[in-house]
Every structure is written in C-alpha cells, then in structure tokens.
Amino acid sequence: MTALPGAVPPTVATVTADDDSRVWVDRVGPERFAGYNGRSMPIPIGMAGIDGCFSPTELLRVALGGCAGLSAEHPLTRRLGERAAVRIAVAGEHDPAQRRFTSLTSTMTLDLSGLDERAQEQVRTVVTRAVHRYCTVGRTVEQGAPAPIVVREPA
C-alpha cells in the first residue's frame, strides 16, 4: 500500500475494511461508479448531468442535508409530531478555479403555522443547536479533515 504525500497516519478512530461502517465505490462503466455500504442498494455516481446518477458534489450536499435532518429528528418530531414534513435544500457557492465549494448553505423548510411566534423561535433555536452539535458531516465540512488517497494493488 502506497500513501500519497501528505497522507495522515491511521489513528485509533480509523475505519477499516472489517468495520460495519465500511463504504466503497466500484467502477461500473465509463465515467460511472456505484457506492456501497453492504446494507442497502448501490448509489449510482457519475458526472453532473448524467441521467440516473448523482454527481459527487450532489452526494456531498445530500450527505450534508441528510445529516442535518437526522440530527434534528428528535427535536423536530417532539415539537411538530411524527408526521412533520421536512425538506432540506443544500446550495453551494462553487469556485471553479479551485474546484471546491467555498460555502454550503442548508435551508430546512418546516410548517410552523400551528405554533405561536415564541414556539416557532424555540423550534428554530433547538433545531439549529441540534444540527450544529450532532451533524458529523456538517462539523467535518466546517472544520475540515485531511482526505488522503492510498493507491494499492488488489490483495
């Protein structure tokens, strides 16, 4: 196994191939890949605009929105009920020269019409606090994390 320059040595929290949280991506055709976790259906990955596929940047935004929703699930359902409709849209400012997002904004849409103004503000506060505290994806994006790539031959 050869690590690229700048690769970070493994730590005690490193996910290994034997972990239940194993995730991998296989090439399934020209400019087409599929993501797997061993528990669910494959996620088709391709370049932006290819029918039937998510682009990698779309998956990043889906992960951020999904993490925000799951992080806020308990306070949302406690205050709005189990059937509360929630939509989280994630938009990003993209710098093509750097090939990176310079910012990502998640917008959570909720029907708060059944609550008074004070209760609405409490929902906003508690949901925001839960997302900032529990959303691993958001915390990782905000704080940054090394992302080394290791190139090796099959075992």
C-alpha atoms as a PDB file:
ATOM      1  CA  MET A   1       0.000   0.000   0.000  1.00  0.00           C
ATOM      2  CA  THR A   2       1.468   3.379  -1.028  1.00  0.00           C
ATOM      3  CA  ALA A   3       0.299   6.566   0.656  1.00  0.00           C
ATOM      4  CA  LEU A   4       0.452   9.821  -1.266  1.00  0.00           C
ATOM      5  CA  PRO A   5       2.479  12.751   0.095  1.00  0.00           C
ATOM      6  CA  GLY A   6       0.696  14.441   2.961  1.00  0.00           C
ATOM      7  CA  ALA A   7      -1.196  11.283   3.937  1.00  0.00           C
ATOM      8  CA  VAL A   8      -2.114  11.127   7.598  1.00  0.00           C
ATOM      9  CA  PRO A   9      -1.124   8.006   9.541  1.00  0.00           C
ATOM     10  CA  PRO A  10      -4.053   5.929  10.858  1.00  0.00           C
ATOM     11  CA  THR A  11      -5.436   6.770  14.297  1.00  0.00           C
ATOM     12  CA  VAL A  12      -7.443   4.725  16.758  1.00  0.00           C
ATOM     13  CA  ALA A  13     -10.661   6.006  15.133  1.00  0.00           C
ATOM     14  CA  THR A  14      -9.672   4.880  11.612  1.00  0.00           C
ATOM     15  CA  VAL A  15     -12.381   2.906   9.805  1.00  0.00           C
ATOM     16  CA  THR A  16     -11.012  -0.378   8.481  1.00  0.00           C
ATOM     17  CA  ALA A  17     -12.345  -2.796   5.871  1.00  0.00           C
ATOM     18  CA  ASP A  18     -13.678  -5.045   8.657  1.00  0.00           C
ATOM     19  CA  ASP A  19     -15.836  -2.337  10.254  1.00  0.00           C
ATOM     20  CA  ASP A  20     -19.631  -2.367   9.989  1.00  0.00           C
ATOM     21  CA  SER A  21     -19.371   1.176   8.651  1.00  0.00           C
ATOM     22  CA  ARG A  22     -17.417   0.057   5.574  1.00  0.00           C
ATOM     23  CA  VAL A  23     -18.140   2.109   2.462  1.00  0.00           C
ATOM     24  CA  TRP A  24     -16.673   1.541  -1.002  1.00  0.00           C
ATOM     25  CA  VAL A  25     -17.066   2.640  -4.609  1.00  0.00           C
ATOM     26  CA  ASP A  26     -16.647   0.421  -7.687  1.00  0.00           C
ATOM     27  CA  ARG A  27     -16.243   1.457 -11.306  1.00  0.00           C
ATOM     28  CA  VAL A  28     -19.229   0.066 -13.218  1.00  0.00           C
ATOM     29  CA  GLY A  29     -18.635   1.644 -16.653  1.00  0.00           C
ATOM     30  CA  PRO A  30     -17.130   4.614 -18.442  1.00  0.00           C
ATOM     31  CA  GLU A  31     -17.454   7.627 -16.129  1.00  0.00           C
ATOM     32  CA  ARG A  32     -19.843   5.587 -13.951  1.00  0.00           C
ATOM     33  CA  PHE A  33     -19.280   4.337 -10.427  1.00  0.00           C
ATOM     34  CA  ALA A  34     -21.525   2.855  -7.730  1.00  0.00           C
ATOM     35  CA  GLY A  35     -21.299   3.456  -3.989  1.00  0.00           C
ATOM     36  CA  TYR A  36     -21.959   0.653  -1.498  1.00  0.00           C
ATOM     37  CA  ASN A  37     -22.193   0.152   2.240  1.00  0.00           C
ATOM     38  CA  GLY A  38     -23.138  -3.537   2.397  1.00  0.00           C
ATOM     39  CA  ARG A  39     -26.622  -2.761   3.781  1.00  0.00           C
ATOM     40  CA  SER A  40     -28.529  -1.030   1.011  1.00  0.00           C
ATOM     41  CA  MET A  41     -28.933  -0.533  -2.711  1.00  0.00           C
ATOM     42  CA  PRO A  42     -25.997   0.860  -4.699  1.00  0.00           C
ATOM     43  CA  ILE A  43     -25.881   4.608  -5.247  1.00  0.00           C
ATOM     44  CA  PRO A  44     -25.139   5.440  -8.907  1.00  0.00           C
ATOM     45  CA  ILE A  45     -22.395   8.048  -9.286  1.00  0.00           C
ATOM     46  CA  GLY A  46     -21.493   9.870 -12.472  1.00  0.00           C
ATOM     47  CA  MET A  47     -20.603  13.234 -13.884  1.00  0.00           C
ATOM     48  CA  ALA A  48     -23.057  16.096 -13.326  1.00  0.00           C
ATOM     49  CA  GLY A  49     -25.993  15.845 -15.721  1.00  0.00           C
ATOM     50  CA  ILE A  50     -25.812  12.097 -16.404  1.00  0.00           C
ATOM     51  CA  ASP A  51     -29.314  10.642 -16.104  1.00  0.00           C
ATOM     52  CA  GLY A  52     -29.820   8.197 -13.258  1.00  0.00           C
ATOM     53  CA  CYS A  53     -26.688   9.265 -11.364  1.00  0.00           C
ATOM     54  CA  PHE A  54     -25.703  11.567  -8.562  1.00  0.00           C
ATOM     55  CA  SER A  55     -22.580  13.636  -9.120  1.00  0.00           C
ATOM     56  CA  PRO A  56     -20.028  13.623  -6.284  1.00  0.00           C
ATOM     57  CA  THR A  57     -20.883  17.231  -5.406  1.00  0.00           C
ATOM     58  CA  GLU A  58     -24.576  16.344  -5.267  1.00  0.00           C
ATOM     59  CA  LEU A  59     -23.752  13.459  -2.919  1.00  0.00           C
ATOM     60  CA  LEU A  60     -21.800  15.831  -0.685  1.00  0.00           C
ATOM     61  CA  ARG A  61     -24.818  18.113  -0.474  1.00  0.00           C
ATOM     62  CA  VAL A  62     -27.199  15.156   0.050  1.00  0.00           C
ATOM     63  CA  ALA A  63     -24.973  13.921   2.890  1.00  0.00           C
ATOM     64  CA  LEU A  64     -24.996  17.367   4.486  1.00  0.00           C
ATOM     65  CA  GLY A  65     -28.780  17.723   4.194  1.00  0.00           C
ATOM     66  CA  GLY A  66     -29.442  14.168   5.354  1.00  0.00           C
ATOM     67  CA  CYS A  67     -27.154  14.587   8.333  1.00  0.00           C
ATOM     68  CA  ALA A  68     -28.875  17.847   9.287  1.00  0.00           C
ATOM     69  CA  GLY A  69     -32.278  16.162   9.099  1.00  0.00           C
ATOM     70  CA  LEU A  70     -31.238  13.152  11.147  1.00  0.00           C
ATOM     71  CA  SER A  71     -29.519  15.383  13.701  1.00  0.00           C
ATOM     72  CA  ALA A  72     -32.702  17.412  14.126  1.00  0.00           C
ATOM     73  CA  GLU A  73     -35.111  14.449  14.050  1.00  0.00           C
ATOM     74  CA  HIS A  74     -35.743  14.239  17.788  1.00  0.00           C
ATOM     75  CA  PRO A  75     -36.466  17.933  18.440  1.00  0.00           C
ATOM     76  CA  LEU A  76     -38.500  18.171  15.229  1.00  0.00           C
ATOM     77  CA  THR A  77     -40.778  15.223  15.928  1.00  0.00           C
ATOM     78  CA  ARG A  78     -41.126  16.147  19.597  1.00  0.00           C
ATOM     79  CA  ARG A  79     -42.332  19.652  18.714  1.00  0.00           C
ATOM     80  CA  LEU A  80     -44.056  19.086  15.348  1.00  0.00           C
ATOM     81  CA  GLY A  81     -45.164  15.445  15.549  1.00  0.00           C
ATOM     82  CA  GLU A  82     -44.082  12.195  13.897  1.00  0.00           C
ATOM     83  CA  ARG A  83     -45.652  13.173  10.564  1.00  0.00           C
ATOM     84  CA  ALA A  84     -43.909  16.531  10.273  1.00  0.00           C
ATOM     85  CA  ALA A  85     -42.918  17.297   6.682  1.00  0.00           C
ATOM     86  CA  VAL A  86     -39.309  18.416   6.402  1.00  0.00           C
ATOM     87  CA  ARG A  87     -37.342  19.415   3.309  1.00  0.00           C
ATOM     88  CA  ILE A  88     -33.684  20.360   3.450  1.00  0.00           C
ATOM     89  CA  ALA A  89     -32.219  22.025   0.370  1.00  0.00           C
ATOM     90  CA  VAL A  90     -28.450  22.435   0.226  1.00  0.00           C
ATOM     91  CA  ALA A  91     -26.971  25.056  -2.075  1.00  0.00           C
ATOM     92  CA  GLY A  92     -23.338  25.900  -2.530  1.00  0.00           C
ATOM     93  CA  GLU A  93     -21.095  28.636  -3.788  1.00  0.00           C
ATOM     94  CA  HIS A  94     -18.603  26.980  -6.116  1.00  0.00           C
ATOM     95  CA  ASP A  95     -15.179  28.281  -7.129  1.00  0.00           C
ATOM     96  CA  PRO A  96     -14.361  26.576 -10.457  1.00  0.00           C
ATOM     97  CA  ALA A  97     -10.733  27.747 -10.395  1.00  0.00           C
ATOM     98  CA  GLN A  98     -10.155  25.987  -7.044  1.00  0.00           C
ATOM     99  CA  ARG A  99     -12.550  23.127  -7.868  1.00  0.00           C
ATOM    100  CA  ARG A 100     -14.213  23.408  -4.463  1.00  0.00           C
ATOM    101  CA  PHE A 101     -17.222  24.808  -2.687  1.00  0.00           C
ATOM    102  CA  THR A 102     -16.458  27.998  -0.808  1.00  0.00           C
ATOM    103  CA  SER A 103     -19.675  27.725   1.207  1.00  0.00           C
ATOM    104  CA  LEU A 104     -22.641  25.391   1.630  1.00  0.00           C
ATOM    105  CA  THR A 105     -25.993  26.544   2.996  1.00  0.00           C
ATOM    106  CA  SER A 106     -28.677  24.155   4.218  1.00  0.00           C
ATOM    107  CA  THR A 107     -32.226  25.501   4.263  1.00  0.00           C
ATOM    108  CA  MET A 108     -34.718  23.474   6.301  1.00  0.00           C
ATOM    109  CA  THR A 109     -38.349  24.101   5.349  1.00  0.00           C
ATOM    110  CA  LEU A 110     -40.910  23.326   8.061  1.00  0.00           C
ATOM    111  CA  ASP A 111     -44.573  24.126   8.544  1.00  0.00           C
ATOM    112  CA  LEU A 112     -44.587  26.099  11.783  1.00  0.00           C
ATOM    113  CA  SER A 113     -48.021  27.660  11.233  1.00  0.00           C
ATOM    114  CA  GLY A 114     -49.566  25.728  14.137  1.00  0.00           C
ATOM    115  CA  LEU A 115     -47.173  27.328  16.613  1.00  0.00           C
ATOM    116  CA  ASP A 116     -47.138  30.786  18.147  1.00  0.00           C
ATOM    117  CA  GLU A 117     -44.165  33.090  17.485  1.00  0.00           C
ATOM    118  CA  ARG A 118     -42.335  32.091  20.665  1.00  0.00           C
ATOM    119  CA  ALA A 119     -42.693  28.374  19.928  1.00  0.00           C
ATOM    120  CA  GLN A 120     -41.581  28.917  16.318  1.00  0.00           C
ATOM    121  CA  GLU A 121     -38.417  30.644  17.513  1.00  0.00           C
ATOM    122  CA  GLN A 122     -37.787  27.829  20.013  1.00  0.00           C
ATOM    123  CA  VAL A 123     -38.025  25.260  17.187  1.00  0.00           C
ATOM    124  CA  ARG A 124     -35.559  27.259  15.088  1.00  0.00           C
ATOM    125  CA  THR A 125     -33.145  27.549  18.015  1.00  0.00           C
ATOM    126  CA  VAL A 126     -33.331  23.920  19.136  1.00  0.00           C
ATOM    127  CA  VAL A 127     -33.084  22.548  15.594  1.00  0.00           C
ATOM    128  CA  THR A 128     -30.088  24.747  14.772  1.00  0.00           C
ATOM    129  CA  ARG A 129     -28.392  23.742  18.017  1.00  0.00           C
ATOM    130  CA  ALA A 130     -29.012  20.025  17.364  1.00  0.00           C
ATOM    131  CA  VAL A 131     -27.612  20.219  13.830  1.00  0.00           C
ATOM    132  CA  HIS A 132     -24.505  22.117  14.942  1.00  0.00           C
ATOM    133  CA  ARG A 133     -23.936  19.680  17.784  1.00  0.00           C
ATOM    134  CA  TYR A 134     -24.703  16.300  16.184  1.00  0.00           C
ATOM    135  CA  CYS A 135     -24.215  16.574  12.409  1.00  0.00           C
ATOM    136  CA  THR A 136     -20.859  14.885  11.798  1.00  0.00           C
ATOM    137  CA  VAL A 137     -20.907  15.772   8.102  1.00  0.00           C
ATOM    138  CA  GLY A 138     -21.507  19.461   8.784  1.00  0.00           C
ATOM    139  CA  ARG A 139     -18.894  19.585  11.526  1.00  0.00           C
ATOM    140  CA  THR A 140     -16.364  17.881   9.260  1.00  0.00           C
ATOM    141  CA  VAL A 141     -17.059  20.247   6.354  1.00  0.00           C
ATOM    142  CA  GLU A 142     -16.861  23.307   8.617  1.00  0.00           C
ATOM    143  CA  GLN A 143     -13.671  22.264  10.388  1.00  0.00           C
ATOM    144  CA  GLY A 144     -12.020  20.414   7.502  1.00  0.00           C
ATOM    145  CA  ALA A 145     -10.442  16.978   7.539  1.00  0.00           C
ATOM    146  CA  PRO A 146      -7.467  15.503   5.720  1.00  0.00           C
ATOM    147  CA  ALA A 147      -8.555  13.313   2.793  1.00  0.00           C
ATOM    148  CA  PRO A 148      -5.506  11.287   1.753  1.00  0.00           C
ATOM    149  CA  ILE A 149      -5.725   8.811  -1.106  1.00  0.00           C
ATOM    150  CA  VAL A 150      -3.934   5.462  -0.949  1.00  0.00           C
ATOM    151  CA  VAL A 151      -3.227   3.589  -4.197  1.00  0.00           C
ATOM    152  CA  ARG A 152      -2.573  -0.148  -3.970  1.00  0.00           C
ATOM    153  CA  GLU A 153      -2.861  -3.378  -5.906  1.00  0.00           C
ATOM    154  CA  PRO A 154      -5.645  -5.888  -5.166  1.00  0.00           C
ATOM    155  CA  ALA A 155      -4.956  -8.369  -2.376  1.00  0.00           C
END
